[in-house]
Amino acid sequence: MTDSFLYTTPIDPRAAPLIEALTWEYTTRYGDYFGEPGEEMRRYPAELFAPPHGNFLLLTRDGNAIAGGAFKLYDERTAELKRVWT
């Protein structure tokens, strides 16, 4: 069994199952609090989670994504963690 971290983007096909599961979690947990289903996931474009604005990280096991997360920068010293899912 081999685990590794991979810097990538939220549109990486390997991230798709995690993004779909997180979208489902937000939709079932928060309902229409953010508006239409999936609206919270659309609120932040993928570009915010790529350098120089942030980054997106996958944890893979034997090549399969098992966890992920992202951060977006507010300023030189402050970042917000987003899209964290296992």
PDB file of N, CA and C in Angstrom:
ATOM      1  N   MET A   1       0.849  -1.171   0.000  1.00  0.00           N
ATOM      2  CA  MET A   1       0.000   0.000   0.000  1.00  0.00           C
ATOM      3  C   MET A   1       0.895   1.234   0.000  1.00  0.00           C
ATOM      4  N   THR A   2       0.639   2.138  -0.947  1.00  0.00           N
ATOM      5  CA  THR A   2       1.440   3.344  -1.065  1.00  0.00           C
ATOM      6  C   THR A   2       0.548   4.577  -0.985  1.00  0.00           C
ATOM      7  N   ASP A   3       0.820   5.428   0.003  1.00  0.00           N
ATOM      8  CA  ASP A   3       0.112   6.699   0.150  1.00  0.00           C
ATOM      9  C   ASP A   3       1.025   7.822  -0.318  1.00  0.00           C
ATOM     10  N   SER A   4       0.430   8.808  -0.979  1.00  0.00           N
ATOM     11  CA  SER A   4       1.219   9.968  -1.378  1.00  0.00           C
ATOM     12  C   SER A   4       0.315  11.189  -1.494  1.00  0.00           C
ATOM     13  N   PHE A   5       0.934  12.355  -1.331  1.00  0.00           N
ATOM     14  CA  PHE A   5       0.239  13.624  -1.496  1.00  0.00           C
ATOM     15  C   PHE A   5       0.537  14.158  -2.886  1.00  0.00           C
ATOM     16  N   LEU A   6      -0.468  14.768  -3.480  1.00  0.00           N
ATOM     17  CA  LEU A   6      -0.350  15.269  -4.841  1.00  0.00           C
ATOM     18  C   LEU A   6      -0.970  16.658  -4.910  1.00  0.00           C
ATOM     19  N   TYR A   7      -0.178  17.659  -5.285  1.00  0.00           N
ATOM     20  CA  TYR A   7      -0.719  18.991  -5.541  1.00  0.00           C
ATOM     21  C   TYR A   7      -1.308  18.988  -6.941  1.00  0.00           C
ATOM     22  N   THR A   8      -2.561  19.401  -7.054  1.00  0.00           N
ATOM     23  CA  THR A   8      -3.264  19.380  -8.332  1.00  0.00           C
ATOM     24  C   THR A   8      -4.330  20.471  -8.321  1.00  0.00           C
ATOM     25  N   THR A   9      -5.424  20.283  -9.026  1.00  0.00           N
ATOM     26  CA  THR A   9      -6.526  21.247  -9.050  1.00  0.00           C
ATOM     27  C   THR A   9      -7.841  20.526  -8.776  1.00  0.00           C
ATOM     28  N   PRO A  10      -8.889  21.257  -8.406  1.00  0.00           N
ATOM     29  CA  PRO A  10     -10.180  20.617  -8.172  1.00  0.00           C
ATOM     30  C   PRO A  10     -10.790  20.004  -9.432  1.00  0.00           C
ATOM     31  N   ILE A  11     -10.295  20.378 -10.606  1.00  0.00           N
ATOM     32  CA  ILE A  11     -10.846  19.796 -11.829  1.00  0.00           C
ATOM     33  C   ILE A  11     -10.079  18.554 -12.284  1.00  0.00           C
ATOM     34  N   ASP A  12      -9.091  18.125 -11.514  1.00  0.00           N
ATOM     35  CA  ASP A  12      -8.374  16.881 -11.790  1.00  0.00           C
ATOM     36  C   ASP A  12      -9.381  15.731 -11.726  1.00  0.00           C
ATOM     37  N   PRO A  13      -9.451  14.867 -12.739  1.00  0.00           N
ATOM     38  CA  PRO A  13     -10.403  13.754 -12.717  1.00  0.00           C
ATOM     39  C   PRO A  13     -10.274  12.860 -11.480  1.00  0.00           C
ATOM     40  N   ARG A  14      -9.087  12.772 -10.914  1.00  0.00           N
ATOM     41  CA  ARG A  14      -8.910  11.950  -9.708  1.00  0.00           C
ATOM     42  C   ARG A  14      -9.639  12.542  -8.513  1.00  0.00           C
ATOM     43  N   ALA A  15      -9.907  13.843  -8.545  1.00  0.00           N
ATOM     44  CA  ALA A  15     -10.616  14.499  -7.447  1.00  0.00           C
ATOM     45  C   ALA A  15     -12.132  14.383  -7.582  1.00  0.00           C
ATOM     46  N   ALA A  16     -12.622  14.026  -8.748  1.00  0.00           N
ATOM     47  CA  ALA A  16     -14.065  14.038  -9.019  1.00  0.00           C
ATOM     48  C   ALA A  16     -14.893  13.266  -7.992  1.00  0.00           C
ATOM     49  N   PRO A  17     -14.529  12.033  -7.614  1.00  0.00           N
ATOM     50  CA  PRO A  17     -15.357  11.329  -6.625  1.00  0.00           C
ATOM     51  C   PRO A  17     -15.424  12.051  -5.282  1.00  0.00           C
ATOM     52  N   LEU A  18     -14.330  12.661  -4.859  1.00  0.00           N
ATOM     53  CA  LEU A  18     -14.330  13.400  -3.594  1.00  0.00           C
ATOM     54  C   LEU A  18     -15.169  14.669  -3.699  1.00  0.00           C
ATOM     55  N   ILE A  19     -15.051  15.386  -4.805  1.00  0.00           N
ATOM     56  CA  ILE A  19     -15.833  16.607  -5.008  1.00  0.00           C
ATOM     57  C   ILE A  19     -17.321  16.272  -5.058  1.00  0.00           C
ATOM     58  N   GLU A  20     -17.675  15.183  -5.744  1.00  0.00           N
ATOM     59  CA  GLU A  20     -19.078  14.762  -5.808  1.00  0.00           C
ATOM     60  C   GLU A  20     -19.602  14.403  -4.424  1.00  0.00           C
ATOM     61  N   ALA A  21     -18.810  13.686  -3.643  1.00  0.00           N
ATOM     62  CA  ALA A  21     -19.234  13.310  -2.290  1.00  0.00           C
ATOM     63  C   ALA A  21     -19.378  14.537  -1.394  1.00  0.00           C
ATOM     64  N   LEU A  22     -18.472  15.493  -1.525  1.00  0.00           N
ATOM     65  CA  LEU A  22     -18.559  16.713  -0.721  1.00  0.00           C
ATOM     66  C   LEU A  22     -19.784  17.538  -1.128  1.00  0.00           C
ATOM     67  N   THR A  23     -20.058  17.612  -2.422  1.00  0.00           N
ATOM     68  CA  THR A  23     -21.253  18.318  -2.895  1.00  0.00           C
ATOM     69  C   THR A  23     -22.504  17.669  -2.324  1.00  0.00           C
ATOM     70  N   TRP A  24     -22.564  16.339  -2.348  1.00  0.00           N
ATOM     71  CA  TRP A  24     -23.702  15.615  -1.773  1.00  0.00           C
ATOM     72  C   TRP A  24     -23.822  15.918  -0.279  1.00  0.00           C
ATOM     73  N   GLU A  25     -22.700  15.908   0.432  1.00  0.00           N
ATOM     74  CA  GLU A  25     -22.707  16.202   1.870  1.00  0.00           C
ATOM     75  C   GLU A  25     -23.254  17.603   2.139  1.00  0.00           C
ATOM     76  N   TYR A  26     -22.775  18.594   1.411  1.00  0.00           N
ATOM     77  CA  TYR A  26     -23.269  19.962   1.588  1.00  0.00           C
ATOM     78  C   TYR A  26     -24.768  20.042   1.303  1.00  0.00           C
ATOM     79  N   THR A  27     -25.201  19.386   0.222  1.00  0.00           N
ATOM     80  CA  THR A  27     -26.607  19.446  -0.171  1.00  0.00           C
ATOM     81  C   THR A  27     -27.504  18.790   0.866  1.00  0.00           C
ATOM     82  N   THR A  28     -27.110  17.611   1.356  1.00  0.00           N
ATOM     83  CA  THR A  28     -27.955  16.924   2.333  1.00  0.00           C
ATOM     84  C   THR A  28     -27.880  17.577   3.707  1.00  0.00           C
ATOM     85  N   ARG A  29     -26.753  18.105   4.067  1.00  0.00           N
ATOM     86  CA  ARG A  29     -26.594  18.722   5.389  1.00  0.00           C
ATOM     87  C   ARG A  29     -27.237  20.109   5.464  1.00  0.00           C
ATOM     88  N   TYR A  30     -27.019  20.936   4.440  1.00  0.00           N
ATOM     89  CA  TYR A  30     -27.443  22.331   4.504  1.00  0.00           C
ATOM     90  C   TYR A  30     -28.676  22.647   3.664  1.00  0.00           C
ATOM     91  N   GLY A  31     -29.128  21.684   2.854  1.00  0.00           N
ATOM     92  CA  GLY A  31     -30.317  21.916   2.036  1.00  0.00           C
ATOM     93  C   GLY A  31     -30.157  23.130   1.145  1.00  0.00           C
ATOM     94  N   ASP A  32     -31.127  24.049   1.209  1.00  0.00           N
ATOM     95  CA  ASP A  32     -31.079  25.231   0.351  1.00  0.00           C
ATOM     96  C   ASP A  32     -30.500  26.456   1.064  1.00  0.00           C
ATOM     97  N   TYR A  33     -29.789  26.245   2.159  1.00  0.00           N
ATOM     98  CA  TYR A  33     -29.213  27.363   2.910  1.00  0.00           C
ATOM     99  C   TYR A  33     -28.345  28.257   2.024  1.00  0.00           C
ATOM    100  N   PHE A  34     -27.568  27.653   1.124  1.00  0.00           N
ATOM    101  CA  PHE A  34     -26.687  28.413   0.233  1.00  0.00           C
ATOM    102  C   PHE A  34     -27.361  28.736  -1.096  1.00  0.00           C
ATOM    103  N   GLY A  35     -28.622  28.386  -1.253  1.00  0.00           N
ATOM    104  CA  GLY A  35     -29.332  28.576  -2.516  1.00  0.00           C
ATOM    105  C   GLY A  35     -29.618  27.224  -3.135  1.00  0.00           C
ATOM    106  N   GLU A  36     -29.498  27.152  -4.435  1.00  0.00           N
ATOM    107  CA  GLU A  36     -29.740  25.906  -5.150  1.00  0.00           C
ATOM    108  C   GLU A  36     -28.727  24.837  -4.731  1.00  0.00           C
ATOM    109  N   PRO A  37     -29.100  23.540  -4.822  1.00  0.00           N
ATOM    110  CA  PRO A  37     -28.130  22.483  -4.518  1.00  0.00           C
ATOM    111  C   PRO A  37     -26.848  22.658  -5.337  1.00  0.00           C
ATOM    112  N   GLY A  38     -25.717  22.511  -4.691  1.00  0.00           N
ATOM    113  CA  GLY A  38     -24.424  22.660  -5.353  1.00  0.00           C
ATOM    114  C   GLY A  38     -23.927  24.093  -5.431  1.00  0.00           C
ATOM    115  N   GLU A  39     -24.728  25.046  -4.999  1.00  0.00           N
ATOM    116  CA  GLU A  39     -24.343  26.460  -5.110  1.00  0.00           C
ATOM    117  C   GLU A  39     -23.067  26.769  -4.321  1.00  0.00           C
ATOM    118  N   GLU A  40     -22.933  26.196  -3.140  1.00  0.00           N
ATOM    119  CA  GLU A  40     -21.732  26.443  -2.334  1.00  0.00           C
ATOM    120  C   GLU A  40     -20.478  25.993  -3.077  1.00  0.00           C
ATOM    121  N   MET A  41     -20.553  24.894  -3.802  1.00  0.00           N
ATOM    122  CA  MET A  41     -19.387  24.408  -4.543  1.00  0.00           C
ATOM    123  C   MET A  41     -19.076  25.305  -5.743  1.00  0.00           C
ATOM    124  N   ARG A  42     -20.084  25.945  -6.299  1.00  0.00           N
ATOM    125  CA  ARG A  42     -19.869  26.837  -7.449  1.00  0.00           C
ATOM    126  C   ARG A  42     -19.437  28.237  -7.021  1.00  0.00           C
ATOM    127  N   ARG A  43     -19.588  28.545  -5.761  1.00  0.00           N
ATOM    128  CA  ARG A  43     -19.289  29.899  -5.273  1.00  0.00           C
ATOM    129  C   ARG A  43     -17.811  30.263  -5.439  1.00  0.00           C
ATOM    130  N   TYR A  44     -16.929  29.290  -5.359  1.00  0.00           N
ATOM    131  CA  TYR A  44     -15.490  29.542  -5.474  1.00  0.00           C
ATOM    132  C   TYR A  44     -14.956  28.820  -6.710  1.00  0.00           C
ATOM    133  N   PRO A  45     -14.531  29.546  -7.739  1.00  0.00           N
ATOM    134  CA  PRO A  45     -14.016  28.898  -8.944  1.00  0.00           C
ATOM    135  C   PRO A  45     -12.708  28.147  -8.672  1.00  0.00           C
ATOM    136  N   ALA A  46     -12.449  27.148  -9.485  1.00  0.00           N
ATOM    137  CA  ALA A  46     -11.262  26.301  -9.320  1.00  0.00           C
ATOM    138  C   ALA A  46      -9.970  27.111  -9.311  1.00  0.00           C
ATOM    139  N   GLU A  47      -9.944  28.238 -10.017  1.00  0.00           N
ATOM    140  CA  GLU A  47      -8.725  29.051 -10.089  1.00  0.00           C
ATOM    141  C   GLU A  47      -8.287  29.565  -8.720  1.00  0.00           C
ATOM    142  N   LEU A  48      -9.223  29.706  -7.780  1.00  0.00           N
ATOM    143  CA  LEU A  48      -8.860  30.169  -6.433  1.00  0.00           C
ATOM    144  C   LEU A  48      -8.031  29.135  -5.675  1.00  0.00           C
ATOM    145  N   PHE A  49      -8.095  27.884  -6.124  1.00  0.00           N
ATOM    146  CA  PHE A  49      -7.380  26.809  -5.446  1.00  0.00           C
ATOM    147  C   PHE A  49      -6.166  26.359  -6.254  1.00  0.00           C
ATOM    148  N   ALA A  50      -5.548  27.307  -6.933  1.00  0.00           N
ATOM    149  CA  ALA A  50      -4.329  27.051  -7.704  1.00  0.00           C
ATOM    150  C   ALA A  50      -3.375  28.216  -7.461  1.00  0.00           C
ATOM    151  N   PRO A  51      -2.063  27.955  -7.509  1.00  0.00           N
ATOM    152  CA  PRO A  51      -1.103  29.043  -7.323  1.00  0.00           C
ATOM    153  C   PRO A  51      -1.349  30.159  -8.334  1.00  0.00           C
ATOM    154  N   PRO A  52      -1.200  31.386  -7.971  1.00  0.00           N
ATOM    155  CA  PRO A  52      -0.686  31.914  -6.710  1.00  0.00           C
ATOM    156  C   PRO A  52      -1.773  32.214  -5.681  1.00  0.00           C
ATOM    157  N   HIS A  53      -3.018  31.869  -5.971  1.00  0.00           N
ATOM    158  CA  HIS A  53      -4.143  32.218  -5.096  1.00  0.00           C
ATOM    159  C   HIS A  53      -4.400  31.199  -3.997  1.00  0.00           C
ATOM    160  N   GLY A  54      -3.876  29.989  -4.145  1.00  0.00           N
ATOM    161  CA  GLY A  54      -4.120  28.914  -3.189  1.00  0.00           C
ATOM    162  C   GLY A  54      -3.526  27.629  -3.718  1.00  0.00           C
ATOM    163  N   ASN A  55      -4.066  26.503  -3.248  1.00  0.00           N
ATOM    164  CA  ASN A  55      -3.599  25.216  -3.739  1.00  0.00           C
ATOM    165  C   ASN A  55      -4.615  24.150  -3.400  1.00  0.00           C
ATOM    166  N   PHE A  56      -4.528  23.018  -4.085  1.00  0.00           N
ATOM    167  CA  PHE A  56      -5.429  21.890  -3.912  1.00  0.00           C
ATOM    168  C   PHE A  56      -4.564  20.650  -3.744  1.00  0.00           C
ATOM    169  N   LEU A  57      -4.902  19.830  -2.778  1.00  0.00           N
ATOM    170  CA  LEU A  57      -4.075  18.688  -2.411  1.00  0.00           C
ATOM    171  C   LEU A  57      -4.930  17.434  -2.339  1.00  0.00           C
ATOM    172  N   LEU A  58      -4.451  16.357  -2.938  1.00  0.00           N
ATOM    173  CA  LEU A  58      -5.096  15.054  -2.822  1.00  0.00           C
ATOM    174  C   LEU A  58      -4.179  14.113  -2.062  1.00  0.00           C
ATOM    175  N   LEU A  59      -4.773  13.274  -1.241  1.00  0.00           N
ATOM    176  CA  LEU A  59      -4.070  12.146  -0.648  1.00  0.00           C
ATOM    177  C   LEU A  59      -4.499  10.931  -1.447  1.00  0.00           C
ATOM    178  N   THR A  60      -3.540  10.248  -2.033  1.00  0.00           N
ATOM    179  CA  THR A  60      -3.857   9.060  -2.821  1.00  0.00           C
ATOM    180  C   THR A  60      -3.296   7.821  -2.140  1.00  0.00           C
ATOM    181  N   ARG A  61      -4.011   6.739  -2.327  1.00  0.00           N
ATOM    182  CA  ARG A  61      -3.549   5.431  -1.862  1.00  0.00           C
ATOM    183  C   ARG A  61      -3.579   4.512  -3.067  1.00  0.00           C
ATOM    184  N   ASP A  62      -2.420   4.012  -3.411  1.00  0.00           N
ATOM    185  CA  ASP A  62      -2.282   3.161  -4.590  1.00  0.00           C
ATOM    186  C   ASP A  62      -2.898   3.816  -5.828  1.00  0.00           C
ATOM    187  N   GLY A  63      -2.719   5.132  -5.941  1.00  0.00           N
ATOM    188  CA  GLY A  63      -3.183   5.869  -7.104  1.00  0.00           C
ATOM    189  C   GLY A  63      -4.615   6.363  -7.048  1.00  0.00           C
ATOM    190  N   ASN A  64      -5.370   5.991  -6.013  1.00  0.00           N
ATOM    191  CA  ASN A  64      -6.766   6.410  -5.877  1.00  0.00           C
ATOM    192  C   ASN A  64      -6.893   7.493  -4.816  1.00  0.00           C
ATOM    193  N   ALA A  65      -7.633   8.548  -5.128  1.00  0.00           N
ATOM    194  CA  ALA A  65      -7.836   9.641  -4.167  1.00  0.00           C
ATOM    195  C   ALA A  65      -8.682   9.148  -3.000  1.00  0.00           C
ATOM    196  N   ILE A  66      -8.167   9.355  -1.778  1.00  0.00           N
ATOM    197  CA  ILE A  66      -8.910   8.953  -0.583  1.00  0.00           C
ATOM    198  C   ILE A  66      -9.233  10.139   0.316  1.00  0.00           C
ATOM    199  N   ALA A  67      -8.611  11.279   0.078  1.00  0.00           N
ATOM    200  CA  ALA A  67      -8.890  12.496   0.849  1.00  0.00           C
ATOM    201  C   ALA A  67      -8.357  13.677   0.056  1.00  0.00           C
ATOM    202  N   GLY A  68      -8.858  14.847   0.396  1.00  0.00           N
ATOM    203  CA  GLY A  68      -8.394  16.039  -0.292  1.00  0.00           C
ATOM    204  C   GLY A  68      -8.752  17.290   0.476  1.00  0.00           C
ATOM    205  N   GLY A  69      -8.193  18.372   0.040  1.00  0.00           N
ATOM    206  CA  GLY A  69      -8.486  19.652   0.650  1.00  0.00           C
ATOM    207  C   GLY A  69      -7.834  20.759  -0.144  1.00  0.00           C
ATOM    208  N   ALA A  70      -8.215  21.969   0.189  1.00  0.00           N
ATOM    209  CA  ALA A  70      -7.703  23.124  -0.537  1.00  0.00           C
ATOM    210  C   ALA A  70      -7.545  24.284   0.426  1.00  0.00           C
ATOM    211  N   PHE A  71      -6.810  25.273  -0.028  1.00  0.00           N
ATOM    212  CA  PHE A  71      -6.785  26.530   0.699  1.00  0.00           C
ATOM    213  C   PHE A  71      -6.759  27.662  -0.305  1.00  0.00           C
ATOM    214  N   LYS A  72      -7.305  28.795   0.112  1.00  0.00           N
ATOM    215  CA  LYS A  72      -7.242  29.999  -0.704  1.00  0.00           C
ATOM    216  C   LYS A  72      -6.686  31.109   0.161  1.00  0.00           C
ATOM    217  N   LEU A  73      -5.851  31.914  -0.438  1.00  0.00           N
ATOM    218  CA  LEU A  73      -5.177  32.982   0.287  1.00  0.00           C
ATOM    219  C   LEU A  73      -6.077  34.199   0.456  1.00  0.00           C
ATOM    220  N   TYR A  74      -5.950  34.834   1.620  1.00  0.00           N
ATOM    221  CA  TYR A  74      -6.555  36.141   1.854  1.00  0.00           C
ATOM    222  C   TYR A  74      -5.503  37.238   1.744  1.00  0.00           C
ATOM    223  N   ASP A  75      -4.320  36.962   2.283  1.00  0.00           N
ATOM    224  CA  ASP A  75      -3.196  37.884   2.187  1.00  0.00           C
ATOM    225  C   ASP A  75      -1.925  37.061   2.363  1.00  0.00           C
ATOM    226  N   GLU A  76      -0.783  37.713   2.525  1.00  0.00           N
ATOM    227  CA  GLU A  76       0.500  37.001   2.619  1.00  0.00           C
ATOM    228  C   GLU A  76       0.572  36.029   3.785  1.00  0.00           C
ATOM    229  N   ARG A  77      -0.188  36.290   4.852  1.00  0.00           N
ATOM    230  CA  ARG A  77      -0.063  35.487   6.067  1.00  0.00           C
ATOM    231  C   ARG A  77      -1.317  34.711   6.430  1.00  0.00           C
ATOM    232  N   THR A  78      -2.388  34.861   5.662  1.00  0.00           N
ATOM    233  CA  THR A  78      -3.657  34.259   6.039  1.00  0.00           C
ATOM    234  C   THR A  78      -4.240  33.452   4.886  1.00  0.00           C
ATOM    235  N   ALA A  79      -4.668  32.236   5.200  1.00  0.00           N
ATOM    236  CA  ALA A  79      -5.329  31.381   4.212  1.00  0.00           C
ATOM    237  C   ALA A  79      -6.532  30.717   4.874  1.00  0.00           C
ATOM    238  N   GLU A  80      -7.497  30.346   4.058  1.00  0.00           N
ATOM    239  CA  GLU A  80      -8.677  29.639   4.544  1.00  0.00           C
ATOM    240  C   GLU A  80      -8.673  28.236   3.965  1.00  0.00           C
ATOM    241  N   LEU A  81      -8.862  27.236   4.823  1.00  0.00           N
ATOM    242  CA  LEU A  81      -8.992  25.862   4.357  1.00  0.00           C
ATOM    243  C   LEU A  81     -10.391  25.671   3.803  1.00  0.00           C
ATOM    244  N   LYS A  82     -10.479  25.008   2.661  1.00  0.00           N
ATOM    245  CA  LYS A  82     -11.752  24.763   1.991  1.00  0.00           C
ATOM    246  C   LYS A  82     -11.732  23.355   1.416  1.00  0.00           C
ATOM    247  N   ARG A  83     -12.902  22.854   1.102  1.00  0.00           N
ATOM    248  CA  ARG A  83     -13.053  21.602   0.351  1.00  0.00           C
ATOM    249  C   ARG A  83     -12.320  20.429   0.992  1.00  0.00           C
ATOM    250  N   VAL A  84     -12.291  20.375   2.305  1.00  0.00           N
ATOM    251  CA  VAL A  84     -11.621  19.283   3.008  1.00  0.00           C
ATOM    252  C   VAL A  84     -12.582  18.100   3.075  1.00  0.00           C
ATOM    253  N   TRP A  85     -12.119  16.946   2.607  1.00  0.00           N
ATOM    254  CA  TRP A  85     -12.993  15.781   2.560  1.00  0.00           C
ATOM    255  C   TRP A  85     -12.169  14.502   2.637  1.00  0.00           C
ATOM    256  N   THR A  86     -12.711  13.497   3.327  1.00  0.00           N
ATOM    257  CA  THR A  86     -12.052  12.182   3.401  1.00  0.00           C
ATOM    258  C   THR A  86     -13.007  11.098   3.003  1.00  0.00           C
TER     259      THR A  86
END
